[in-house]
Amino acid sequence: MTTRTVTHATFTLERRYPATPARVFKALSDPVTKAKWFYPPESWGKDDHSMDFRVGGIETSVGGPPGGQVHAFKAIYQDIVPNERIIYSYDMMLDDVRISVSVSSFELIADGDHTVLKLTEMGAYLDGFSDGNDIRKQGTAILLDQLGLYLVREGAN
């Protein structure tokens, strides 16, 4: 029998991007644009991604290393304020096991000709996945860095 546990943790990450809030928002909200920076580690190959960006809409991403565990992300958009804020709740699965349920907020703050993105995530890590917050923070930081590289590559504004 599995011992059931819940470990709660929160982290915040900030990035300053050389782009307007509208460009950063588009990179987070437009499926074609998001596909240019939101991708798994190269060793995993392509993931299966879908995105319905609206309040109540669902985004999914499923993939993993060849022969390894399948990582599945399923988010529901809870609040959207164009160019200012995105909030979603999501769960993560490894194969058929739910490892966490989280709420993430993205705040976009104009800073001259740049944007400060502030991401705060509150997670409930399940059934022994107690180191999940550190792993999630690292993975999210990589994705935010990929977003930054995309914004620089595509030009300032």
N, C-alpha and C. Protein backbone atom coordinates (compact mmCIF):
# COMPACT_ATOMS: atom_id res chain seq x y z
N MET A 1 0.84 -1.19 0.00
CA MET A 1 0.00 0.00 0.00
C MET A 1 0.88 1.25 0.00
N THR A 2 0.54 2.24 -0.81
CA THR A 2 1.29 3.48 -0.92
C THR A 2 0.97 4.40 0.24
N THR A 3 2.02 4.96 0.85
CA THR A 3 1.81 5.98 1.88
C THR A 3 1.50 7.28 1.17
N ARG A 4 0.37 7.88 1.51
CA ARG A 4 -0.06 9.12 0.86
C ARG A 4 0.49 10.31 1.60
N THR A 5 1.14 11.21 0.86
CA THR A 5 1.70 12.43 1.44
C THR A 5 1.45 13.61 0.51
N VAL A 6 1.47 14.81 1.08
CA VAL A 6 1.43 16.05 0.30
C VAL A 6 2.48 16.98 0.89
N THR A 7 3.37 17.46 0.06
CA THR A 7 4.37 18.45 0.46
C THR A 7 4.07 19.74 -0.31
N HIS A 8 3.89 20.83 0.43
CA HIS A 8 3.58 22.12 -0.20
C HIS A 8 4.85 22.96 -0.32
N ALA A 9 4.97 23.67 -1.44
CA ALA A 9 6.13 24.54 -1.63
C ALA A 9 5.79 25.59 -2.68
N THR A 10 6.50 26.70 -2.59
CA THR A 10 6.31 27.82 -3.50
C THR A 10 7.67 28.31 -3.98
N PHE A 11 7.72 28.76 -5.22
CA PHE A 11 8.91 29.44 -5.70
C PHE A 11 8.50 30.60 -6.60
N THR A 12 9.40 31.56 -6.73
CA THR A 12 9.21 32.71 -7.62
C THR A 12 10.47 32.87 -8.46
N LEU A 13 10.26 33.10 -9.74
CA LEU A 13 11.37 33.38 -10.66
C LEU A 13 11.07 34.69 -11.37
N GLU A 14 12.10 35.50 -11.59
CA GLU A 14 11.94 36.74 -12.35
C GLU A 14 12.95 36.77 -13.48
N ARG A 15 12.48 37.28 -14.60
CA ARG A 15 13.34 37.50 -15.75
C ARG A 15 13.02 38.88 -16.32
N ARG A 16 14.04 39.54 -16.86
CA ARG A 16 13.85 40.83 -17.53
C ARG A 16 14.20 40.62 -19.00
N TYR A 17 13.21 40.81 -19.86
CA TYR A 17 13.36 40.53 -21.28
C TYR A 17 13.39 41.82 -22.10
N PRO A 18 14.18 41.85 -23.17
CA PRO A 18 14.25 43.03 -24.04
C PRO A 18 13.08 43.03 -25.04
N ALA A 19 11.87 43.14 -24.51
CA ALA A 19 10.66 43.09 -25.33
C ALA A 19 9.52 43.75 -24.57
N THR A 20 8.52 44.20 -25.30
CA THR A 20 7.35 44.80 -24.68
C THR A 20 6.50 43.72 -24.00
N PRO A 21 5.66 44.12 -23.05
CA PRO A 21 4.73 43.15 -22.46
C PRO A 21 3.86 42.46 -23.53
N ALA A 22 3.47 43.18 -24.58
CA ALA A 22 2.65 42.57 -25.64
C ALA A 22 3.40 41.44 -26.34
N ARG A 23 4.71 41.62 -26.60
CA ARG A 23 5.49 40.55 -27.25
C ARG A 23 5.68 39.36 -26.32
N VAL A 24 5.93 39.63 -25.05
CA VAL A 24 6.09 38.52 -24.10
C VAL A 24 4.77 37.78 -23.95
N PHE A 25 3.68 38.53 -23.83
CA PHE A 25 2.35 37.91 -23.72
C PHE A 25 2.07 37.03 -24.94
N LYS A 26 2.38 37.53 -26.13
CA LYS A 26 2.16 36.72 -27.34
C LYS A 26 2.98 35.44 -27.30
N ALA A 27 4.22 35.53 -26.82
CA ALA A 27 5.07 34.34 -26.74
C ALA A 27 4.51 33.30 -25.76
N LEU A 28 3.76 33.76 -24.77
CA LEU A 28 3.14 32.87 -23.79
C LEU A 28 1.78 32.36 -24.24
N SER A 29 1.11 33.11 -25.11
CA SER A 29 -0.31 32.84 -25.37
C SER A 29 -0.62 32.33 -26.77
N ASP A 30 0.22 32.59 -27.74
CA ASP A 30 -0.03 32.18 -29.12
C ASP A 30 0.61 30.81 -29.36
N PRO A 31 -0.18 29.79 -29.73
CA PRO A 31 0.38 28.44 -29.89
C PRO A 31 1.54 28.35 -30.87
N VAL A 32 1.48 29.04 -31.99
CA VAL A 32 2.56 28.98 -32.98
C VAL A 32 3.83 29.61 -32.42
N THR A 33 3.68 30.76 -31.77
CA THR A 33 4.83 31.44 -31.19
C THR A 33 5.40 30.63 -30.02
N LYS A 34 4.53 30.11 -29.16
CA LYS A 34 5.01 29.35 -28.00
C LYS A 34 5.81 28.12 -28.42
N ALA A 35 5.41 27.50 -29.52
CA ALA A 35 6.12 26.30 -30.00
C ALA A 35 7.57 26.60 -30.37
N LYS A 36 7.90 27.86 -30.59
CA LYS A 36 9.27 28.23 -30.96
C LYS A 36 10.22 28.27 -29.78
N TRP A 37 9.69 28.26 -28.54
CA TRP A 37 10.57 28.30 -27.37
C TRP A 37 10.19 27.28 -26.28
N PHE A 38 8.96 26.81 -26.27
CA PHE A 38 8.48 25.89 -25.23
C PHE A 38 8.62 24.47 -25.76
N TYR A 39 9.76 23.86 -25.48
CA TYR A 39 10.02 22.52 -25.99
C TYR A 39 10.85 21.76 -24.96
N PRO A 40 10.81 20.44 -25.03
CA PRO A 40 11.51 19.61 -24.05
C PRO A 40 13.01 19.57 -24.33
N PRO A 41 13.78 18.95 -23.41
CA PRO A 41 15.21 18.77 -23.67
C PRO A 41 15.43 18.06 -25.01
N GLU A 42 16.49 18.43 -25.69
CA GLU A 42 16.78 17.88 -27.02
C GLU A 42 16.83 16.35 -27.02
N SER A 43 17.32 15.75 -25.94
CA SER A 43 17.45 14.30 -25.88
C SER A 43 16.09 13.59 -25.85
N TRP A 44 15.01 14.33 -25.56
CA TRP A 44 13.68 13.72 -25.52
C TRP A 44 13.05 13.60 -26.89
N GLY A 45 13.45 14.43 -27.81
CA GLY A 45 12.73 14.49 -29.08
C GLY A 45 11.51 15.39 -28.92
N LYS A 46 10.63 15.38 -29.91
CA LYS A 46 9.46 16.26 -29.92
C LYS A 46 8.40 15.75 -28.95
N ASP A 47 7.72 16.72 -28.28
CA ASP A 47 6.61 16.35 -27.42
C ASP A 47 5.30 16.52 -28.19
N ASP A 48 4.22 16.04 -27.61
CA ASP A 48 2.88 16.21 -28.16
C ASP A 48 2.25 17.38 -27.41
N HIS A 49 2.00 18.50 -28.09
CA HIS A 49 1.57 19.73 -27.42
C HIS A 49 0.28 20.24 -28.05
N SER A 50 -0.65 20.69 -27.20
CA SER A 50 -1.85 21.36 -27.68
C SER A 50 -2.15 22.52 -26.74
N MET A 51 -2.84 23.55 -27.27
CA MET A 51 -3.06 24.76 -26.48
C MET A 51 -4.35 25.45 -26.92
N ASP A 52 -5.25 25.64 -25.97
CA ASP A 52 -6.49 26.39 -26.18
C ASP A 52 -6.44 27.57 -25.20
N PHE A 53 -5.89 28.68 -25.66
CA PHE A 53 -5.62 29.81 -24.77
C PHE A 53 -6.85 30.69 -24.62
N ARG A 54 -7.59 30.43 -23.57
CA ARG A 54 -8.75 31.21 -23.14
C ARG A 54 -9.07 30.77 -21.72
N VAL A 55 -9.78 31.59 -20.97
CA VAL A 55 -10.19 31.18 -19.63
C VAL A 55 -11.02 29.91 -19.77
N GLY A 56 -10.62 28.88 -19.02
CA GLY A 56 -11.26 27.57 -19.12
C GLY A 56 -10.63 26.66 -20.16
N GLY A 57 -9.75 27.22 -21.00
CA GLY A 57 -9.07 26.43 -22.02
C GLY A 57 -8.00 25.54 -21.42
N ILE A 58 -7.61 24.53 -22.17
CA ILE A 58 -6.66 23.53 -21.69
C ILE A 58 -5.42 23.52 -22.56
N GLU A 59 -4.26 23.41 -21.90
CA GLU A 59 -2.98 23.20 -22.59
C GLU A 59 -2.41 21.89 -22.11
N THR A 60 -1.88 21.09 -23.03
CA THR A 60 -1.24 19.82 -22.66
C THR A 60 0.12 19.72 -23.34
N SER A 61 1.01 19.02 -22.68
CA SER A 61 2.31 18.68 -23.24
C SER A 61 2.68 17.31 -22.71
N VAL A 62 2.94 16.38 -23.63
CA VAL A 62 3.25 15.00 -23.25
C VAL A 62 4.50 14.58 -23.98
N GLY A 63 5.48 14.06 -23.25
CA GLY A 63 6.71 13.59 -23.87
C GLY A 63 7.61 12.99 -22.81
N GLY A 64 8.83 12.71 -23.19
CA GLY A 64 9.79 12.15 -22.26
C GLY A 64 10.95 11.54 -23.01
N PRO A 65 11.95 11.11 -22.27
CA PRO A 65 13.12 10.52 -22.93
C PRO A 65 12.76 9.17 -23.57
N PRO A 66 13.38 8.83 -24.69
CA PRO A 66 13.09 7.54 -25.33
C PRO A 66 13.28 6.38 -24.36
N GLY A 67 12.26 5.56 -24.22
CA GLY A 67 12.32 4.41 -23.32
C GLY A 67 12.14 4.76 -21.85
N GLY A 68 11.97 6.05 -21.53
CA GLY A 68 11.82 6.48 -20.14
C GLY A 68 10.38 6.79 -19.80
N GLN A 69 10.20 7.40 -18.63
CA GLN A 69 8.87 7.74 -18.17
C GLN A 69 8.25 8.82 -19.06
N VAL A 70 6.95 8.74 -19.24
CA VAL A 70 6.20 9.74 -19.97
C VAL A 70 5.83 10.85 -19.00
N HIS A 71 6.20 12.09 -19.35
CA HIS A 71 5.89 13.27 -18.55
C HIS A 71 4.68 13.95 -19.20
N ALA A 72 3.62 14.16 -18.42
CA ALA A 72 2.41 14.78 -18.96
C ALA A 72 2.02 15.98 -18.11
N PHE A 73 1.85 17.12 -18.79
CA PHE A 73 1.45 18.39 -18.20
C PHE A 73 0.06 18.71 -18.74
N LYS A 74 -0.88 19.03 -17.84
CA LYS A 74 -2.22 19.44 -18.26
C LYS A 74 -2.62 20.65 -17.44
N ALA A 75 -2.79 21.79 -18.14
CA ALA A 75 -3.12 23.06 -17.48
C ALA A 75 -4.52 23.50 -17.88
N ILE A 76 -5.16 24.22 -16.97
CA ILE A 76 -6.43 24.88 -17.24
C ILE A 76 -6.23 26.36 -16.95
N TYR A 77 -6.49 27.19 -17.95
CA TYR A 77 -6.32 28.64 -17.78
C TYR A 77 -7.45 29.18 -16.90
N GLN A 78 -7.06 29.84 -15.80
CA GLN A 78 -8.02 30.34 -14.81
C GLN A 78 -8.28 31.83 -14.95
N ASP A 79 -7.26 32.61 -15.36
CA ASP A 79 -7.40 34.06 -15.44
C ASP A 79 -6.42 34.57 -16.49
N ILE A 80 -6.92 35.46 -17.35
CA ILE A 80 -6.08 36.05 -18.40
C ILE A 80 -6.40 37.54 -18.48
N VAL A 81 -5.37 38.37 -18.33
CA VAL A 81 -5.48 39.80 -18.58
C VAL A 81 -4.43 40.11 -19.64
N PRO A 82 -4.86 40.38 -20.88
CA PRO A 82 -3.89 40.56 -21.97
C PRO A 82 -2.77 41.53 -21.61
N ASN A 83 -1.54 41.09 -21.91
CA ASN A 83 -0.31 41.87 -21.72
C ASN A 83 0.03 42.13 -20.26
N GLU A 84 -0.71 41.56 -19.31
CA GLU A 84 -0.46 41.79 -17.89
C GLU A 84 -0.34 40.53 -17.04
N ARG A 85 -1.24 39.54 -17.27
CA ARG A 85 -1.29 38.43 -16.32
C ARG A 85 -1.89 37.18 -16.96
N ILE A 86 -1.31 36.03 -16.58
CA ILE A 86 -1.85 34.72 -16.93
C ILE A 86 -1.77 33.86 -15.67
N ILE A 87 -2.87 33.20 -15.33
CA ILE A 87 -2.87 32.27 -14.20
C ILE A 87 -3.48 30.95 -14.67
N TYR A 88 -2.80 29.87 -14.38
CA TYR A 88 -3.36 28.56 -14.67
C TYR A 88 -3.07 27.59 -13.54
N SER A 89 -3.92 26.56 -13.46
CA SER A 89 -3.67 25.45 -12.55
C SER A 89 -3.29 24.26 -13.44
N TYR A 90 -2.45 23.39 -12.90
CA TYR A 90 -2.04 22.24 -13.72
C TYR A 90 -1.62 21.06 -12.86
N ASP A 91 -1.67 19.90 -13.49
CA ASP A 91 -1.11 18.72 -12.84
C ASP A 91 -0.03 18.13 -13.72
N MET A 92 0.86 17.38 -13.08
CA MET A 92 1.95 16.68 -13.77
C MET A 92 1.83 15.20 -13.44
N MET A 93 2.02 14.41 -14.48
CA MET A 93 1.99 12.96 -14.33
C MET A 93 3.32 12.39 -14.81
N LEU A 94 3.78 11.35 -14.16
CA LEU A 94 4.87 10.52 -14.65
C LEU A 94 4.25 9.17 -14.94
N ASP A 95 4.24 8.77 -16.20
CA ASP A 95 3.46 7.62 -16.65
C ASP A 95 2.02 7.84 -16.21
N ASP A 96 1.46 6.97 -15.40
CA ASP A 96 0.06 7.13 -14.97
C ASP A 96 -0.04 7.61 -13.52
N VAL A 97 1.03 8.15 -12.97
CA VAL A 97 1.05 8.57 -11.57
C VAL A 97 1.07 10.10 -11.48
N ARG A 98 0.07 10.67 -10.84
CA ARG A 98 0.05 12.13 -10.62
C ARG A 98 1.08 12.45 -9.55
N ILE A 99 2.03 13.36 -9.89
CA ILE A 99 3.07 13.71 -8.94
C ILE A 99 2.88 15.09 -8.32
N SER A 100 2.05 15.93 -8.96
CA SER A 100 1.85 17.26 -8.39
C SER A 100 0.62 17.94 -8.99
N VAL A 101 0.12 18.90 -8.22
CA VAL A 101 -0.93 19.81 -8.68
C VAL A 101 -0.46 21.20 -8.26
N SER A 102 -0.48 22.16 -9.21
CA SER A 102 0.10 23.47 -8.95
C SER A 102 -0.78 24.60 -9.49
N VAL A 103 -0.52 25.80 -8.99
CA VAL A 103 -1.08 27.03 -9.55
C VAL A 103 0.11 27.91 -9.90
N SER A 104 0.11 28.43 -11.13
CA SER A 104 1.18 29.32 -11.59
C SER A 104 0.59 30.64 -12.05
N SER A 105 1.27 31.72 -11.67
CA SER A 105 0.88 33.05 -12.16
C SER A 105 2.07 33.68 -12.85
N PHE A 106 1.78 34.30 -13.98
CA PHE A 106 2.76 35.06 -14.75
C PHE A 106 2.32 36.51 -14.69
N GLU A 107 3.17 37.38 -14.19
CA GLU A 107 2.90 38.81 -14.18
C GLU A 107 3.88 39.47 -15.14
N LEU A 108 3.38 40.35 -16.01
CA LEU A 108 4.22 41.06 -16.97
C LEU A 108 4.21 42.53 -16.59
N ILE A 109 5.40 43.05 -16.28
CA ILE A 109 5.53 44.42 -15.79
C ILE A 109 6.44 45.19 -16.74
N ALA A 110 5.89 46.27 -17.34
CA ALA A 110 6.68 47.10 -18.24
C ALA A 110 7.82 47.76 -17.45
N ASP A 111 9.01 47.74 -18.06
CA ASP A 111 10.19 48.34 -17.44
C ASP A 111 10.98 49.04 -18.55
N GLY A 112 10.60 50.27 -18.87
CA GLY A 112 11.20 50.97 -20.00
C GLY A 112 10.87 50.23 -21.27
N ASP A 113 11.88 49.87 -22.07
CA ASP A 113 11.64 49.11 -23.30
C ASP A 113 11.80 47.61 -23.06
N HIS A 114 11.76 47.21 -21.80
CA HIS A 114 11.86 45.80 -21.40
C HIS A 114 10.58 45.38 -20.67
N THR A 115 10.51 44.09 -20.35
CA THR A 115 9.43 43.55 -19.54
C THR A 115 10.03 42.67 -18.45
N VAL A 116 9.57 42.87 -17.24
CA VAL A 116 9.91 41.98 -16.14
C VAL A 116 8.80 40.94 -16.05
N LEU A 117 9.16 39.69 -16.19
CA LEU A 117 8.22 38.59 -16.02
C LEU A 117 8.45 38.03 -14.62
N LYS A 118 7.40 37.99 -13.83
CA LYS A 118 7.47 37.41 -12.49
C LYS A 118 6.55 36.20 -12.47
N LEU A 119 7.13 35.03 -12.30
CA LEU A 119 6.39 33.78 -12.23
C LEU A 119 6.40 33.29 -10.79
N THR A 120 5.23 33.03 -10.25
CA THR A 120 5.11 32.44 -8.92
C THR A 120 4.35 31.14 -9.06
N GLU A 121 4.89 30.08 -8.48
CA GLU A 121 4.23 28.78 -8.53
C GLU A 121 4.07 28.23 -7.13
N MET A 122 2.85 27.78 -6.84
CA MET A 122 2.53 27.13 -5.57
C MET A 122 2.17 25.69 -5.89
N GLY A 123 2.92 24.75 -5.33
CA GLY A 123 2.73 23.36 -5.69
C GLY A 123 2.38 22.48 -4.51
N ALA A 124 1.60 21.46 -4.81
CA ALA A 124 1.33 20.36 -3.88
C ALA A 124 1.96 19.13 -4.51
N TYR A 125 3.04 18.64 -3.91
CA TYR A 125 3.79 17.50 -4.43
C TYR A 125 3.34 16.25 -3.70
N LEU A 126 3.01 15.23 -4.46
CA LEU A 126 2.25 14.10 -3.94
C LEU A 126 3.07 12.83 -3.73
N ASP A 127 2.73 12.12 -2.68
CA ASP A 127 3.15 10.74 -2.42
C ASP A 127 4.64 10.48 -2.59
N GLY A 128 5.42 11.25 -1.85
CA GLY A 128 6.86 11.03 -1.82
C GLY A 128 7.65 11.85 -2.82
N PHE A 129 6.98 12.61 -3.65
CA PHE A 129 7.69 13.46 -4.61
C PHE A 129 8.05 14.78 -3.94
N SER A 130 8.66 14.69 -2.77
CA SER A 130 8.89 15.87 -1.93
C SER A 130 10.00 16.78 -2.45
N ASP A 131 10.88 16.27 -3.31
CA ASP A 131 11.92 17.14 -3.88
C ASP A 131 11.44 17.80 -5.17
N GLY A 132 10.15 17.65 -5.45
CA GLY A 132 9.58 18.16 -6.69
C GLY A 132 9.71 19.65 -6.88
N ASN A 133 9.65 20.43 -5.80
CA ASN A 133 9.73 21.89 -5.95
C ASN A 133 11.09 22.31 -6.53
N ASP A 134 12.16 21.70 -6.06
CA ASP A 134 13.49 22.04 -6.59
C ASP A 134 13.60 21.63 -8.07
N ILE A 135 13.11 20.45 -8.39
CA ILE A 135 13.15 19.97 -9.78
C ILE A 135 12.29 20.87 -10.66
N ARG A 136 11.11 21.23 -10.19
CA ARG A 136 10.20 22.09 -10.97
C ARG A 136 10.79 23.47 -11.17
N LYS A 137 11.40 24.01 -10.12
CA LYS A 137 12.01 25.34 -10.24
C LYS A 137 13.11 25.33 -11.29
N GLN A 138 13.94 24.28 -11.29
CA GLN A 138 15.02 24.18 -12.28
C GLN A 138 14.48 24.07 -13.69
N GLY A 139 13.48 23.23 -13.88
CA GLY A 139 12.89 23.05 -15.21
C GLY A 139 12.21 24.32 -15.70
N THR A 140 11.52 25.01 -14.81
CA THR A 140 10.84 26.25 -15.18
C THR A 140 11.86 27.32 -15.53
N ALA A 141 12.95 27.39 -14.79
CA ALA A 141 14.02 28.36 -15.09
C ALA A 141 14.58 28.12 -16.49
N ILE A 142 14.76 26.87 -16.86
CA ILE A 142 15.25 26.55 -18.20
C ILE A 142 14.26 27.04 -19.25
N LEU A 143 12.97 26.81 -19.04
CA LEU A 143 11.96 27.27 -20.00
C LEU A 143 11.94 28.80 -20.12
N LEU A 144 12.06 29.50 -18.98
CA LEU A 144 12.08 30.96 -19.03
C LEU A 144 13.32 31.47 -19.74
N ASP A 145 14.43 30.77 -19.58
CA ASP A 145 15.64 31.15 -20.31
C ASP A 145 15.46 30.90 -21.82
N GLN A 146 14.79 29.80 -22.19
CA GLN A 146 14.49 29.54 -23.60
C GLN A 146 13.60 30.65 -24.17
N LEU A 147 12.63 31.12 -23.37
CA LEU A 147 11.79 32.23 -23.79
C LEU A 147 12.65 33.47 -24.05
N GLY A 148 13.57 33.76 -23.14
CA GLY A 148 14.45 34.91 -23.32
C GLY A 148 15.29 34.82 -24.57
N LEU A 149 15.84 33.64 -24.84
CA LEU A 149 16.63 33.45 -26.06
C LEU A 149 15.78 33.65 -27.30
N TYR A 150 14.55 33.16 -27.27
CA TYR A 150 13.64 33.36 -28.40
C TYR A 150 13.39 34.86 -28.61
N LEU A 151 13.09 35.60 -27.55
CA LEU A 151 12.80 37.02 -27.68
C LEU A 151 13.99 37.80 -28.23
N VAL A 152 15.19 37.45 -27.82
CA VAL A 152 16.40 38.10 -28.34
C VAL A 152 16.60 37.73 -29.82
N ARG A 153 16.43 36.46 -30.13
CA ARG A 153 16.63 35.98 -31.50
C ARG A 153 15.65 36.64 -32.48
N GLU A 154 14.41 36.87 -32.04
CA GLU A 154 13.38 37.41 -32.91
C GLU A 154 13.42 38.92 -33.01
N GLY A 155 14.26 39.58 -32.22
CA GLY A 155 14.36 41.04 -32.29
C GLY A 155 13.61 41.71 -31.14
N ALA A 156 14.03 42.90 -30.80
CA ALA A 156 13.57 43.57 -29.59
C ALA A 156 12.07 43.78 -29.54
N ASN A 157 11.47 44.47 -30.47
CA ASN A 157 10.03 44.73 -30.37
C ASN A 157 9.46 44.80 -31.74
